Protein backbone atom coordinates (compact mmCIF):
# COMPACT_ATOMS: atom_id res chain seq x y z
CA MET A 1 -86.01 -158.95 -6.35
CA ASN A 2 -83.99 -157.36 -3.50
CA LEU A 3 -81.52 -156.06 -6.08
CA ILE A 4 -84.30 -154.17 -7.89
CA LYS A 5 -85.61 -152.80 -4.58
CA GLY A 6 -82.06 -151.70 -3.68
CA PHE A 7 -81.63 -149.92 -7.03
CA SER A 8 -85.01 -148.20 -6.56
CA THR A 9 -83.98 -146.90 -3.15
CA VAL A 10 -80.62 -145.66 -4.47
CA PHE A 11 -82.34 -144.07 -7.50
CA LEU A 12 -84.85 -142.25 -5.28
CA PHE A 13 -82.07 -141.04 -2.98
CA ILE A 14 -80.04 -139.72 -5.93
CA CYS A 15 -83.13 -137.94 -7.31
CA PHE A 16 -83.76 -136.37 -3.90
CA VAL A 17 -80.17 -135.14 -3.63
CA LEU A 18 -80.30 -133.68 -7.15
CA ILE A 19 -83.56 -131.86 -6.45
CA ILE A 20 -82.23 -130.38 -3.19
CA THR A 21 -78.94 -129.36 -4.85
CA ASP A 22 -80.85 -127.77 -7.72
CA CYS A 23 -83.04 -125.78 -5.30
CA PHE A 24 -79.98 -124.36 -3.53
CA ALA A 25 -78.34 -123.55 -6.86
CA VAL A 26 -81.43 -121.69 -8.03
CA GLU A 27 -81.54 -119.63 -4.81
CA ALA A 28 -77.82 -118.87 -5.05
CA ASP A 29 -78.17 -117.83 -8.71
CA THR A 30 -81.15 -115.53 -8.21
CA CYS A 31 -79.12 -112.32 -8.21
CA LYS A 32 -75.93 -112.03 -10.19
CA PRO A 33 -74.05 -108.82 -11.00
CA SER A 34 -75.37 -107.02 -14.07
CA GLY A 35 -72.17 -105.20 -14.97
CA LYS A 36 -69.35 -102.90 -13.95
CA LEU A 37 -69.17 -99.13 -13.78
CA LYS A 38 -65.91 -97.19 -14.05
CA GLY A 39 -65.47 -94.55 -11.37
CA LYS A 40 -64.97 -90.89 -12.16
CA LYS A 41 -63.25 -88.38 -9.91
CA PRO A 42 -65.84 -86.08 -8.31
CA PRO A 43 -65.50 -82.37 -9.07
CA PRO A 44 -64.19 -80.42 -6.04
CA GLY A 45 -66.80 -80.18 -3.29
CA LYS A 46 -69.33 -82.33 -5.16
CA CYS A 47 -69.28 -85.53 -3.09
CA ASN A 48 -70.97 -85.02 0.28
CA GLN A 49 -69.24 -87.23 2.84
CA GLU A 50 -71.71 -86.67 5.66
CA ASN A 51 -72.17 -89.98 7.50
CA ASP A 52 -68.80 -91.14 6.09
CA SER A 53 -70.21 -91.69 2.60
CA ASP A 54 -67.78 -93.07 0.03
CA CYS A 55 -66.86 -91.00 -3.01
CA CYS A 56 -66.07 -92.63 -6.35
CA ILE A 57 -62.44 -93.31 -7.10
CA GLU A 58 -61.30 -92.48 -10.62
CA GLY A 59 -60.63 -95.63 -12.65
CA LYS A 60 -61.96 -98.06 -10.02
CA PHE A 61 -64.56 -100.53 -11.30
CA TYR A 62 -67.75 -100.89 -9.26
CA THR A 63 -70.13 -103.85 -9.54
CA THR A 64 -73.73 -103.03 -10.52
CA TYR A 65 -76.91 -105.03 -9.90
CA LYS A 66 -80.44 -104.90 -11.29
CA CYS A 67 -81.63 -107.32 -8.60
CA SER A 68 -81.44 -107.94 -4.87
CA PRO A 69 -81.57 -111.18 -2.85
CA PRO A 70 -85.05 -112.74 -2.54
CA VAL A 71 -87.40 -111.11 -0.01
CA SER A 72 -88.71 -113.26 2.82
CA SER A 73 -90.08 -112.73 6.31
CA HIS A 74 -86.44 -112.61 7.47
CA THR A 75 -84.51 -110.87 4.66
CA LYS A 76 -80.86 -110.33 5.59
CA ALA A 77 -79.44 -106.90 4.76
CA LYS A 78 -76.86 -104.29 5.64
CA LEU A 79 -78.22 -101.22 7.38
CA THR A 80 -76.41 -98.03 6.36
CA ILE A 81 -77.01 -94.42 7.30
CA ASN A 82 -78.26 -91.65 5.02
CA SER A 83 -79.56 -88.13 5.32
CA PHE A 84 -82.76 -87.46 3.41
CA GLU A 85 -82.70 -83.72 4.23
CA PRO A 86 -81.83 -80.87 1.83
CA GLY A 87 -78.04 -80.73 1.49
CA GLY A 88 -77.65 -84.20 3.02
CA ASP A 89 -75.52 -87.00 1.63
CA GLY A 90 -78.63 -88.60 0.12
CA GLY A 91 -78.39 -86.18 -2.79
CA GLY A 92 -81.68 -84.92 -4.19
CA ARG A 93 -85.30 -85.36 -3.30
CA SER A 94 -86.67 -88.82 -2.60
CA GLU A 95 -87.77 -90.77 -5.65
CA CYS A 96 -91.11 -91.88 -4.22
CA ASP A 97 -92.63 -88.47 -3.51
CA ASN A 98 -90.14 -85.87 -4.80
CA HIS A 99 -89.74 -84.52 -1.24
CA TYR A 100 -86.98 -84.27 1.32
CA HIS A 101 -87.53 -86.00 4.66
CA SER A 102 -86.40 -85.13 8.16
CA ASP A 103 -83.64 -87.23 9.69
CA ASP A 104 -85.98 -87.46 12.70
CA ASP A 105 -88.48 -89.52 10.66
CA PRO A 106 -87.93 -93.28 10.28
CA VAL A 107 -87.45 -93.46 6.50
CA VAL A 108 -85.31 -95.67 4.24
CA ALA A 109 -84.01 -96.17 0.74
CA LEU A 110 -83.82 -99.76 -0.56
CA SER A 111 -81.41 -101.31 -3.04
CA THR A 112 -82.74 -101.37 -6.61
CA GLY A 113 -84.10 -104.93 -6.60
CA TRP A 114 -85.95 -104.48 -3.32
CA PHE A 115 -87.19 -101.04 -4.37
CA ASN A 116 -88.81 -102.99 -7.21
CA HIS A 117 -89.67 -100.22 -9.69
CA LYS A 118 -91.31 -98.10 -6.95
CA LYS A 119 -93.64 -100.93 -5.85
CA ARG A 120 -92.55 -100.44 -2.21
CA CYS A 121 -92.85 -96.64 -2.40
CA LEU A 122 -94.40 -95.08 0.69
CA LYS A 123 -95.03 -98.54 2.17
CA TYR A 124 -93.61 -99.59 5.52
CA ILE A 125 -91.08 -102.27 6.32
CA ASN A 126 -90.10 -103.79 9.66
CA ILE A 127 -86.40 -103.58 10.46
CA HIS A 128 -84.89 -105.87 13.12
CA GLY A 129 -81.42 -105.30 14.55
CA ASN A 130 -79.53 -104.83 17.80
CA GLY A 131 -82.27 -106.80 19.60
CA LYS A 132 -84.95 -104.24 18.66
CA SER A 133 -87.26 -103.47 15.77
CA VAL A 134 -88.64 -100.38 14.06
CA LYS A 135 -91.16 -99.67 11.33
CA ALA A 136 -89.84 -97.36 8.57
CA LYS A 137 -91.32 -95.85 5.42
CA VAL A 138 -89.68 -96.55 2.04
CA VAL A 139 -89.15 -93.18 0.35
CA ASP A 140 -86.22 -93.72 -2.00
CA GLU A 141 -84.05 -96.10 -4.00
CA CYS A 142 -80.43 -96.83 -3.18
CA ASP A 143 -79.42 -97.22 -6.83
CA SER A 144 -77.51 -100.45 -7.47
CA THR A 145 -77.37 -99.86 -11.24
CA MET A 146 -75.68 -96.45 -11.51
CA GLY A 147 -73.43 -94.06 -9.62
CA CYS A 148 -70.33 -91.84 -9.82
CA ASP A 149 -72.31 -88.96 -11.35
CA SER A 150 -74.02 -85.77 -10.18
CA VAL A 151 -77.41 -87.49 -9.78
CA HIS A 152 -75.84 -89.93 -7.30
CA ASP A 153 -73.67 -87.32 -5.54
CA TYR A 154 -70.55 -88.93 -7.07
CA GLN A 155 -71.00 -91.95 -4.81
CA PRO A 156 -70.53 -95.55 -6.05
CA PRO A 157 -73.50 -97.76 -6.96
CA CYS A 158 -75.27 -99.16 -3.92
CA PRO A 159 -74.65 -102.85 -3.13
CA ASN A 160 -77.71 -105.03 -3.77
CA ASN A 161 -78.50 -105.74 -0.09
CA ILE A 162 -78.80 -102.29 1.47
CA VAL A 163 -81.42 -100.67 3.68
CA ASP A 164 -80.19 -97.05 3.79
CA ALA A 165 -81.79 -95.51 6.88
CA SER A 166 -82.31 -92.13 8.50
CA LYS A 167 -80.85 -91.30 11.92
CA ALA A 168 -84.29 -91.95 13.44
CA VAL A 169 -84.07 -95.64 12.47
CA TRP A 170 -80.64 -95.99 14.09
CA LYS A 171 -81.92 -94.27 17.24
CA ALA A 172 -85.01 -96.51 17.39
CA LEU A 173 -82.79 -99.60 17.17
CA GLY A 174 -80.84 -98.29 20.16
CA VAL A 175 -77.48 -98.28 18.39
CA PRO A 176 -74.92 -95.99 20.09
CA LYS A 177 -74.12 -93.03 17.82
CA ASP A 178 -70.43 -94.01 17.65
CA ASP A 179 -71.51 -97.30 16.02
CA TRP A 180 -73.72 -95.78 13.32
CA GLY A 181 -72.65 -96.56 9.77
CA GLU A 182 -73.16 -100.21 8.87
CA MET A 183 -74.83 -103.08 10.69
CA ASN A 184 -76.26 -106.50 9.85
CA ILE A 185 -80.04 -106.53 10.13
CA TYR A 186 -83.02 -108.33 8.71
CA TRP A 187 -86.21 -106.78 7.39
CA SER A 188 -89.66 -107.75 6.14
CA ASP A 189 -92.65 -106.11 4.51
CA THR A 190 -95.39 -105.05 6.93
CA ASP A 191 -98.83 -106.63 6.64
């Protein structure tokens, strides 16, 4: 009788471990690369390097994604800097409203998966970093599926975990200007 009870306990423990392991595996597998893109050399003067933007390197392979990590109330991301103004390193007009936006307005572009086929367009997100927080409007996509062409200012595809922010966001987070560029943050949708 005790032997059966012992086997039952071991069986239940093994089932529990398998379920927990499976849950972690599912979360880890939720966003895999979707492909590779071969870099092309930008034509002279065609890759705007304002804010230290990277230009594509001819022959280099860049990973592409159709997804981003799952969104939660504490979504980890990399904050990068972008100009949404005419002539800025953001390229053309914002995808959400076909307008340019002042660098003095707290606006962002989200990686493709988080942009979610424009479902977050013109909605606000909360960004937390450097011990502060700011509310910013989603106006554009940071394309994780394509790049190295004129539409994307000859810049590589965006990683899948980027919140690309205007100068106003960096200022609101109190980050010294010399440190602008890339920073670990977390973000969430506003209510």
